[in-house]
Every structure is written in C-alpha cells, then in structure tokens.
Amino acid sequence: MSDDVKERILDWVKQQKKSKLYFNDLCKAVPEIKMMQAKKFVNELVSEGKLKYWSSGSTTMYMLPSEGDVAKEEKGMN
C-alpha cells in the first residue's frame, strides 16, 4: 500500500502547474488517508530523493528534484 500511495502523490505532483507545493496541496492527492499518514509518506519520498524541500525561510514547500540534482545524486556528488 505504501508504494501505491507514494506513487499517487508523485503522479499528482507531476500533473500540477506549480513547481512548488505546500504540504496541504500534497494531501489532496490522497484524500482518503489522514494527514499524519500522508506526512510519513511525503517524508519517505524526500528521504528517497523523489521529492525535495524548498524553503523561503518562513515557509517550507515541496518540489520535484531537478534533472541536475538527480544526476549529481547518482554520481554521489550530493
């Protein structure tokens, strides 16, 4: 189930017009689960490098890693 939920979150993020999304926006991808469960899945996606944090200093948002970030991580440069 967890892989299915994470895949749904990622697919939903990829369909959005905005590149940076709030956590509440990500919860819309899986409305049937509680926010605490969604937070766990989103944090796992960040740990796996499939999502990353973006911060303005006062607000934390989530975004897909850029192509360059993925290439650096694969080469162990991150």
Protein backbone atom coordinates (compact mmCIF):
# COMPACT_ATOMS: atom_id res chain seq x y z
CA MET A 1 0.00 0.00 0.00
CA SER A 2 2.74 2.49 0.88
CA ASP A 3 4.34 2.28 -2.56
CA ASP A 4 0.95 2.84 -4.17
CA VAL A 5 0.30 5.92 -2.02
CA LYS A 6 3.75 7.36 -2.73
CA GLU A 7 3.31 6.73 -6.45
CA ARG A 8 -0.06 8.53 -6.39
CA ILE A 9 1.49 11.51 -4.60
CA LEU A 10 4.34 11.70 -7.14
CA ASP A 11 1.96 11.39 -10.11
CA TRP A 12 -0.21 14.14 -8.66
CA VAL A 13 2.80 16.44 -8.15
CA LYS A 14 3.93 15.87 -11.75
CA GLN A 15 0.49 16.93 -13.03
CA GLN A 16 0.46 20.25 -11.18
CA LYS A 17 1.23 23.54 -12.93
CA LYS A 18 3.12 24.93 -9.95
CA SER A 19 6.61 23.62 -9.28
CA LYS A 20 6.46 24.21 -5.50
CA LEU A 21 3.60 22.87 -3.41
CA TYR A 22 2.51 23.14 0.21
CA PHE A 23 2.02 20.01 2.28
CA ASN A 24 -1.75 20.61 2.28
CA ASP A 25 -1.64 20.55 -1.53
CA LEU A 26 0.08 17.15 -1.46
CA CYS A 27 -2.64 15.80 0.84
CA LYS A 28 -5.16 16.39 -1.96
CA ALA A 29 -3.51 13.53 -3.89
CA VAL A 30 -4.61 11.03 -1.23
CA PRO A 31 -7.72 12.45 0.47
CA GLU A 32 -8.69 9.10 1.98
CA ILE A 33 -5.73 8.97 4.38
CA LYS A 34 -5.09 11.10 7.45
CA MET A 35 -2.63 13.98 7.35
CA MET A 36 -0.20 12.26 9.74
CA GLN A 37 -0.03 9.23 7.44
CA ALA A 38 0.41 11.49 4.41
CA LYS A 39 3.26 13.30 6.19
CA LYS A 40 5.01 9.95 6.72
CA PHE A 41 4.76 9.10 3.01
CA VAL A 42 5.90 12.57 1.91
CA ASN A 43 8.90 12.38 4.27
CA GLU A 44 9.78 8.96 2.82
CA LEU A 45 9.66 10.45 -0.69
CA VAL A 46 12.03 13.21 0.45
CA SER A 47 14.37 10.62 2.03
CA GLU A 48 14.34 8.63 -1.22
CA GLY A 49 15.19 11.77 -3.22
CA LYS A 50 11.95 11.70 -5.21
CA LEU A 51 10.77 14.98 -3.64
CA LYS A 52 12.79 17.73 -2.04
CA TYR A 53 12.19 20.58 0.34
CA TRP A 54 12.21 24.20 -0.72
CA SER A 55 12.21 26.92 1.91
CA SER A 56 11.74 30.66 1.72
CA GLY A 57 12.88 30.96 5.33
CA SER A 58 9.37 31.16 6.71
CA THR A 59 7.59 28.60 4.58
CA THR A 60 8.55 25.06 3.62
CA MET A 61 7.28 23.68 0.35
CA TYR A 62 7.90 20.53 -1.64
CA MET A 63 9.05 20.10 -5.21
CA LEU A 64 10.41 17.52 -7.60
CA PRO A 65 14.21 17.41 -7.76
CA SER A 66 15.60 18.92 -10.94
CA GLU A 67 17.33 16.77 -13.56
CA GLY A 68 20.71 18.11 -12.39
CA ASP A 69 20.01 17.12 -8.79
CA VAL A 70 19.19 13.55 -9.83
CA ALA A 71 22.36 13.27 -11.95
CA LYS A 72 24.53 14.58 -9.07
CA GLU A 73 22.97 12.14 -6.62
CA GLU A 74 23.50 9.20 -8.97
CA LYS A 75 27.18 10.14 -9.25
CA GLY A 76 27.44 10.55 -5.48
CA MET A 77 28.14 14.28 -5.69
CA ASN A 78 25.28 15.39 -3.46
